[in-house]
Structures are given as structure tokens and as C-alpha cells.
Amino acid sequence: MTASEDPRVTIVPGRDLPAERIAVRADLDHPTPHPWWQRLLFGVAGVFFFVTALGLMKAGAAGLIPALEGSIFTDNPWSTLGLGWLGSCLVLSGSPVAASALTLLDGGAITVNEAFTMLTGSRLGASFVVVVVGVVYALRNKEQGERRAPISIGILSLLMTATIYLPAAMVGFLLLQRGTFDGFDIGTSPGLTSATDAAFGWSVDLLLEILPSWSLFPIGLAVLVVGFNCFDRVLPQIGAEDLERREVEWTSRMWPMFLAGCAVTMLTLSVSVSLTLLVPLVAKGHVRRSNTLPYIAGANITTLADTLVAAILIGNQDAVRVVVAVTSVVTVFTLVVLLTAYQPLRRTLLSITRWVLVSNRRLAGFAMVLFVVPLVLVAV
């Protein structure tokens, strides 16, 4: 089938654009949904890999205690903050690193306070993938002005996340230390726990017989990434074209954009995916970058849904309290900021973004800071 015969492709008269590039854009903007039976298989595989990964990482965390205890990576909450931040930047995703914090806590490799800061750090580095995607997308455009738009989304995502998470984390850290969340318990039923152990726990026992226990942690991390990829194929396929079909006017209003960010991230279970969707929308002019901050704020709240599920499945109430502490304070702080200081915050972050994008040297310096700061935190 040629590009002109494909019903997903729209040929715009008068545009000097090769048919192949139009077809590629159609595929990227409007993903083809998988058949129901494929989604069912991906769903079963996703549950298998997800639960198996948590079991592997729990077992591996116990083996890592001698190496991590008192090391530069876990000797204090500042170090684990940098570890979570740097880890998310390197793997281009925050969810695996967030789950790692919980399994390390359950295995006794880190404390509750260190798990809290590592989880916070994973959120700070999760938006780095949006910068990477923005740069790749910008390279397709020859005009300097067109290149700045997609890159600006990554910068705004990082700035907005840091603006909300850092002060909120300070409050949450103090509340956690004071025992505010001690009475908060969410657990799985014994029947569900025994069923998942019987169905998926055999792999942990098998690997423990042939591999050193510490090696199960990185193996589990890799399996967790595979599990998230399976879930991506089960959940609704949302593309930029789907959002373009909506009325454009609502994108200029704060609360509809905030709710859209919450909803898209909840559906995709990935803040990286939901924020990356903004890149083509802003680049094509369907959404103004100045209106994306509420969307980013909403995405940063519901992104912890999969982490809460992981904490519940692990069965460690301290892990559950850590996730609840981060989620609750971030939600409250986000709503307060949007209600009381949205306009000055928007002007400030947009000004910083414009300053960074003035030259490639400043952009490179900004990217360098994203790695230097967590390295300094680790070394503290």
C-alpha cells in the first residue's frame, strides 16, 4: 500500500513534503491499536514481568546490603536523592528507579528517609527523556525558531518538576520523620500474595540457585523495564493526532490542561510518554508552550500510580507510606501553586527557558547541570 492509499495519511496540497515523510508522521501521531488478543497476551506478560521483577529486586536488594551500606551512594538522604535523579537520567525513565528505591528499602539496603529522597530524585530526572526527544525532533527542522519549540518542552518539564517537587519534598520529609503517615496502611490480601508468589515466585528461587543474590537486582531492573513496555501495548494508544482533534481553545485554560495531564499520565502509566506527547503538539503550533505548565503539573501527580501499586505488591508498609508521603505533599503543593502563583511562576519559567535557548552553549550548559548536580549530591 502506498502512502496515498493509506487512510491514515492526509496529503496536503501545495506542501513540498515527500509522501514517505507524511506516512512516517501519520504512524507517529496516530499509533495503530493492537488487536484485543494481543493486548490480552501483553497484559498477562506485563503482570508476569512486573511481579517477577519486584521479586528479583527484593531478593537482590538483600545481597546488595554489604556493598551499599555506608557507601557513597546510600550514606545519607542527599546521596540517594542524587542517585535517583542520576539513575532516571541514565535510563531515560523514572518508574524503574522509583521501584528500585522501594525494593532497596524492603531489602534493608536503605532507610525510609533515603527511600523517600531516592523516589523524589527519580521524579526530577524522569523529564530528561523529554529533552532528548525534543532535541531529536528539533533536528528535523531547519529553521532555528522551529527547533526551539520542541526543546523548550523538555526544559519547561524539568523546571516545573523541580519547582514543585523540591519544596514539597522538604515538607514531606519532615512529615514522614514526625510520623504523620505512620497510621496509613494499605496491604494486599494473603490470598493475592500467595497466588502471585505461586505463579511468579519460582523464577526467583530458580535464579538464586545458579546466580549470586546481588545479581538479581540488575536482572530484576531489566525485567521491570520489559514489563512496563508490555503495559504500554495494553493501555490505550494516545497519539498527538488524537489530542489535535479536540477543541484547541481548552488548551489555553489552566484546569482543563491540568486534568488532561493527570488523565493522560494515568492512562499511559508513564510521565515520560505523556510529556513527550507535548513535543509534536507544540512544534506544530496546536498548543502554546506557555500553556503547558498545568499539564506538566498534573502529569507529575498521577505518575506515581504505578509506584504505589509496586509498593502494595511488595507488601512493605514503609514503602507504601513513602509513596503516599510524596504523592500527597506534591498534590497539595501543586494545587496551592496553581491557585496562588500560577501567572508569576509561568512568567519566570518561560523567561528561564528563553534564556537557555538563546544559544547552543547555554543549552549544553543546562544539560550538563542536570548531571553535575546529582553527582555532587551523591558525593556529599
Foldseek 3Di string as FASTA:
>chain_A
DFLVPDPLFDDDPPDPDDSVVRSVVSCQFDPDADDPVLLVVLVVLLLQLQLLLLLLQLLLLLVCQVVQPCDLCAVDLLSLLLVLQQVCQVVLFLVLQLLSLLSNCNSVSHDLSNSLSNSLNSLLNNLNNQLVLLQVVLVVDDDLVLSLQSNLLSLLLNVLSCVLQVVLSVVLSVCVVVCVCVPPFDADDPVVLVVSCVVRVVVNVVVVVPDPSNVSNVVSSVSNVSSLVSLQSNFDDHGLVVVLPDDLVCLQDQPVLLVQLQVVCLRSLGLNVSSSRVSVCRSVPSHPSLSNSSSSLNVSQNNCVVVLVSNRSSGDRSSNSSSVSSNVSSVVSSVVCCVPPSVVVSVVSVVVSVVCSPDPVSVVVVVVCSNVSSVVSSND
